[in-house]
Amino acid sequence: MTLFEELIEVLAGNVVIETDSQTESLLQRLVGVYPVTQWGRIDRKLVNEHYPVDSIKEAIQILSSKIESAHELKVNVLWNYTESPSIQVNLRQVEKYLDDILAVGSDTWVICPDFSFVIEFFHDGEIVLGFKAS
């Protein structure tokens, strides 16, 4: 069983698995809104508002100060450097199953479907919450 399959199992059916074309479209839209460097990081110099955070809990606290019921938001999870398709879950699930999510791929993005925010988990352990320009 792959790490992706294990993740889907832990999410116990509370997940939407995107098709390959939907995943590719999400990735293209992501890099259109949040430019990515040649080494696969979101280019923070080009992001209007960003916050380096120490944990997913801290990112959710910031989101909760800006968005009502942030925990219940549906988000897409995208992995860089993996063949795994994107999944859609709510932010509460991301918090609860973060270790399983990060095990699938070393560089991970959690994005709001309208691309108003992104949480980037880089393989060196750095976590950044970014908001697109209004």
C-alpha atoms as a PDB file:
ATOM      1  CA  MET A   1       0.000   0.000   0.000  1.00  0.00           C
ATOM      2  CA  THR A   2       1.374   3.443  -0.928  1.00  0.00           C
ATOM      3  CA  LEU A   3       1.481   6.394   1.467  1.00  0.00           C
ATOM      4  CA  PHE A   4      -1.251   8.034  -0.623  1.00  0.00           C
ATOM      5  CA  GLU A   5      -3.470   4.960  -0.280  1.00  0.00           C
ATOM      6  CA  GLU A   6      -2.829   4.915   3.472  1.00  0.00           C
ATOM      7  CA  LEU A   7      -3.856   8.587   3.652  1.00  0.00           C
ATOM      8  CA  ILE A   8      -7.096   7.908   1.795  1.00  0.00           C
ATOM      9  CA  GLU A   9      -7.789   5.039   4.183  1.00  0.00           C
ATOM     10  CA  VAL A  10      -7.280   7.240   7.290  1.00  0.00           C
ATOM     11  CA  LEU A  11      -9.558   9.905   5.847  1.00  0.00           C
ATOM     12  CA  ALA A  12     -12.257   7.202   5.860  1.00  0.00           C
ATOM     13  CA  GLY A  13     -14.241   8.359   2.862  1.00  0.00           C
ATOM     14  CA  ASN A  14     -14.346  12.026   3.894  1.00  0.00           C
ATOM     15  CA  VAL A  15     -12.252  13.011   0.900  1.00  0.00           C
ATOM     16  CA  VAL A  16     -12.654  13.866  -2.774  1.00  0.00           C
ATOM     17  CA  ILE A  17      -9.872  12.545  -4.979  1.00  0.00           C
ATOM     18  CA  GLU A  18      -9.345  14.806  -7.973  1.00  0.00           C
ATOM     19  CA  THR A  19      -8.641  13.427 -11.435  1.00  0.00           C
ATOM     20  CA  ASP A  20      -5.215  13.859 -13.010  1.00  0.00           C
ATOM     21  CA  SER A  21      -6.534  16.650 -15.249  1.00  0.00           C
ATOM     22  CA  GLN A  22      -8.170  18.421 -12.275  1.00  0.00           C
ATOM     23  CA  THR A  23      -4.896  18.108 -10.352  1.00  0.00           C
ATOM     24  CA  GLU A  24      -2.905  19.550 -13.262  1.00  0.00           C
ATOM     25  CA  SER A  25      -5.408  22.402 -13.608  1.00  0.00           C
ATOM     26  CA  LEU A  26      -5.154  23.184  -9.878  1.00  0.00           C
ATOM     27  CA  LEU A  27      -1.364  23.210 -10.091  1.00  0.00           C
ATOM     28  CA  GLN A  28      -1.396  25.534 -13.109  1.00  0.00           C
ATOM     29  CA  ARG A  29      -3.845  27.891 -11.389  1.00  0.00           C
ATOM     30  CA  LEU A  30      -1.755  27.796  -8.199  1.00  0.00           C
ATOM     31  CA  VAL A  31       1.432  28.895  -9.977  1.00  0.00           C
ATOM     32  CA  GLY A  32      -0.554  31.536 -11.853  1.00  0.00           C
ATOM     33  CA  VAL A  33      -1.745  33.126  -8.607  1.00  0.00           C
ATOM     34  CA  TYR A  34       1.326  32.353  -6.467  1.00  0.00           C
ATOM     35  CA  PRO A  35       4.477  32.403  -8.617  1.00  0.00           C
ATOM     36  CA  VAL A  36       6.833  29.529  -7.832  1.00  0.00           C
ATOM     37  CA  THR A  37      10.626  29.726  -7.822  1.00  0.00           C
ATOM     38  CA  GLN A  38      12.798  27.391  -9.877  1.00  0.00           C
ATOM     39  CA  TRP A  39      13.368  25.273  -6.754  1.00  0.00           C
ATOM     40  CA  GLY A  40       9.616  24.750  -6.214  1.00  0.00           C
ATOM     41  CA  ARG A  41       8.833  27.316  -3.485  1.00  0.00           C
ATOM     42  CA  ILE A  42       6.212  30.011  -3.648  1.00  0.00           C
ATOM     43  CA  ASP A  43       8.087  33.245  -4.318  1.00  0.00           C
ATOM     44  CA  ARG A  44       7.225  35.197  -1.169  1.00  0.00           C
ATOM     45  CA  LYS A  45       8.578  38.429  -2.676  1.00  0.00           C
ATOM     46  CA  LEU A  46       5.639  38.288  -5.073  1.00  0.00           C
ATOM     47  CA  VAL A  47       2.973  37.410  -2.485  1.00  0.00           C
ATOM     48  CA  ASN A  48       1.074  40.358  -1.065  1.00  0.00           C
ATOM     49  CA  GLU A  49       0.686  39.053   2.491  1.00  0.00           C
ATOM     50  CA  HIS A  50       2.552  36.092   3.971  1.00  0.00           C
ATOM     51  CA  TYR A  51       3.271  34.703   7.417  1.00  0.00           C
ATOM     52  CA  PRO A  52       5.983  32.214   8.310  1.00  0.00           C
ATOM     53  CA  VAL A  53       4.340  30.028  10.980  1.00  0.00           C
ATOM     54  CA  ASP A  54       5.547  27.307  13.311  1.00  0.00           C
ATOM     55  CA  SER A  55       2.580  24.966  12.939  1.00  0.00           C
ATOM     56  CA  ILE A  56      -0.696  24.269  11.179  1.00  0.00           C
ATOM     57  CA  LYS A  57      -2.447  25.431  14.367  1.00  0.00           C
ATOM     58  CA  GLU A  58      -0.812  28.852  14.050  1.00  0.00           C
ATOM     59  CA  ALA A  59      -1.789  29.080  10.374  1.00  0.00           C
ATOM     60  CA  ILE A  60      -5.400  28.203  11.260  1.00  0.00           C
ATOM     61  CA  GLN A  61      -5.412  30.824  14.033  1.00  0.00           C
ATOM     62  CA  ILE A  62      -4.426  33.485  11.498  1.00  0.00           C
ATOM     63  CA  LEU A  63      -7.008  32.185   9.028  1.00  0.00           C
ATOM     64  CA  SER A  64      -9.672  32.204  11.755  1.00  0.00           C
ATOM     65  CA  SER A  65      -8.967  35.878  12.431  1.00  0.00           C
ATOM     66  CA  LYS A  66      -9.735  36.631   8.768  1.00  0.00           C
ATOM     67  CA  ILE A  67     -12.268  33.957   7.765  1.00  0.00           C
ATOM     68  CA  GLU A  68     -15.296  32.801   9.759  1.00  0.00           C
ATOM     69  CA  SER A  69     -15.432  29.027  10.395  1.00  0.00           C
ATOM     70  CA  ALA A  70     -11.971  28.539   8.876  1.00  0.00           C
ATOM     71  CA  HIS A  71     -11.764  24.955  10.216  1.00  0.00           C
ATOM     72  CA  GLU A  72     -14.706  23.924   8.064  1.00  0.00           C
ATOM     73  CA  LEU A  73     -13.330  25.358   4.812  1.00  0.00           C
ATOM     74  CA  LYS A  74     -12.878  22.901   1.983  1.00  0.00           C
ATOM     75  CA  VAL A  75      -9.288  22.954   0.756  1.00  0.00           C
ATOM     76  CA  ASN A  76      -7.280  21.143  -1.868  1.00  0.00           C
ATOM     77  CA  VAL A  77      -4.006  19.442  -1.050  1.00  0.00           C
ATOM     78  CA  LEU A  78      -1.367  19.361  -3.785  1.00  0.00           C
ATOM     79  CA  TRP A  79       2.007  17.663  -3.646  1.00  0.00           C
ATOM     80  CA  ASN A  80       5.043  18.658  -5.671  1.00  0.00           C
ATOM     81  CA  TYR A  81       7.323  15.931  -7.040  1.00  0.00           C
ATOM     82  CA  THR A  82       4.788  13.115  -6.773  1.00  0.00           C
ATOM     83  CA  GLU A  83       2.309  11.401  -9.045  1.00  0.00           C
ATOM     84  CA  SER A  84      -0.441  11.512  -6.414  1.00  0.00           C
ATOM     85  CA  PRO A  85      -3.620  13.350  -7.380  1.00  0.00           C
ATOM     86  CA  SER A  86      -4.892  16.313  -5.418  1.00  0.00           C
ATOM     87  CA  ILE A  87      -7.448  15.676  -2.711  1.00  0.00           C
ATOM     88  CA  GLN A  88     -10.157  17.895  -1.269  1.00  0.00           C
ATOM     89  CA  VAL A  89     -10.777  17.818   2.489  1.00  0.00           C
ATOM     90  CA  ASN A  90     -11.651  20.384   5.134  1.00  0.00           C
ATOM     91  CA  LEU A  91      -9.030  22.312   7.074  1.00  0.00           C
ATOM     92  CA  ARG A  92      -9.873  20.436  10.279  1.00  0.00           C
ATOM     93  CA  GLN A  93      -8.843  17.191   8.542  1.00  0.00           C
ATOM     94  CA  VAL A  94      -5.581  18.778   7.409  1.00  0.00           C
ATOM     95  CA  GLU A  95      -4.823  19.661  11.017  1.00  0.00           C
ATOM     96  CA  LYS A  96      -5.778  16.208  12.320  1.00  0.00           C
ATOM     97  CA  TYR A  97      -3.998  14.174   9.640  1.00  0.00           C
ATOM     98  CA  LEU A  98      -1.110  16.501   8.797  1.00  0.00           C
ATOM     99  CA  ASP A  99       1.623  13.899   9.326  1.00  0.00           C
ATOM    100  CA  ASP A 100      -0.133  11.489   6.955  1.00  0.00           C
ATOM    101  CA  ILE A 101      -0.635  14.277   4.401  1.00  0.00           C
ATOM    102  CA  LEU A 102       3.011  15.381   4.524  1.00  0.00           C
ATOM    103  CA  ALA A 103       4.227  11.779   4.231  1.00  0.00           C
ATOM    104  CA  VAL A 104       2.785  11.607   0.694  1.00  0.00           C
ATOM    105  CA  GLY A 105       5.133  14.272  -0.692  1.00  0.00           C
ATOM    106  CA  SER A 106       7.974  16.383   0.628  1.00  0.00           C
ATOM    107  CA  ASP A 107       6.618  19.723  -0.620  1.00  0.00           C
ATOM    108  CA  THR A 108       2.915  20.216  -0.017  1.00  0.00           C
ATOM    109  CA  TRP A 109       0.435  23.025  -0.658  1.00  0.00           C
ATOM    110  CA  VAL A 110      -2.956  23.410   0.988  1.00  0.00           C
ATOM    111  CA  ILE A 111      -5.021  25.816  -1.083  1.00  0.00           C
ATOM    112  CA  CYS A 112      -8.437  27.360  -0.799  1.00  0.00           C
ATOM    113  CA  PRO A 113     -10.453  26.547  -3.949  1.00  0.00           C
ATOM    114  CA  ASP A 114     -10.758  30.263  -4.761  1.00  0.00           C
ATOM    115  CA  PHE A 115      -6.966  30.571  -4.245  1.00  0.00           C
ATOM    116  CA  SER A 116      -7.445  33.326  -1.637  1.00  0.00           C
ATOM    117  CA  PHE A 117      -4.853  31.604   0.561  1.00  0.00           C
ATOM    118  CA  VAL A 118      -2.225  28.899   0.449  1.00  0.00           C
ATOM    119  CA  ILE A 119      -0.335  27.096   3.182  1.00  0.00           C
ATOM    120  CA  GLU A 120       3.016  25.853   1.942  1.00  0.00           C
ATOM    121  CA  PHE A 121       4.842  23.031   3.719  1.00  0.00           C
ATOM    122  CA  PHE A 122       8.400  22.899   2.412  1.00  0.00           C
ATOM    123  CA  HIS A 123      10.593  19.815   2.860  1.00  0.00           C
ATOM    124  CA  ASP A 124      12.991  21.715   5.163  1.00  0.00           C
ATOM    125  CA  GLY A 125      10.162  22.071   7.704  1.00  0.00           C
ATOM    126  CA  GLU A 126       9.283  25.677   6.928  1.00  0.00           C
ATOM    127  CA  ILE A 127       5.560  26.513   6.838  1.00  0.00           C
ATOM    128  CA  VAL A 128       4.251  29.691   5.220  1.00  0.00           C
ATOM    129  CA  LEU A 129       0.688  30.998   4.999  1.00  0.00           C
ATOM    130  CA  GLY A 130       0.139  33.343   2.065  1.00  0.00           C
ATOM    131  CA  PHE A 131      -2.784  35.426   0.835  1.00  0.00           C
ATOM    132  CA  LYS A 132      -3.265  36.560  -2.746  1.00  0.00           C
ATOM    133  CA  ALA A 133      -3.549  40.254  -3.477  1.00  0.00           C
ATOM    134  CA  SER A 134      -7.105  41.569  -3.380  1.00  0.00           C
END
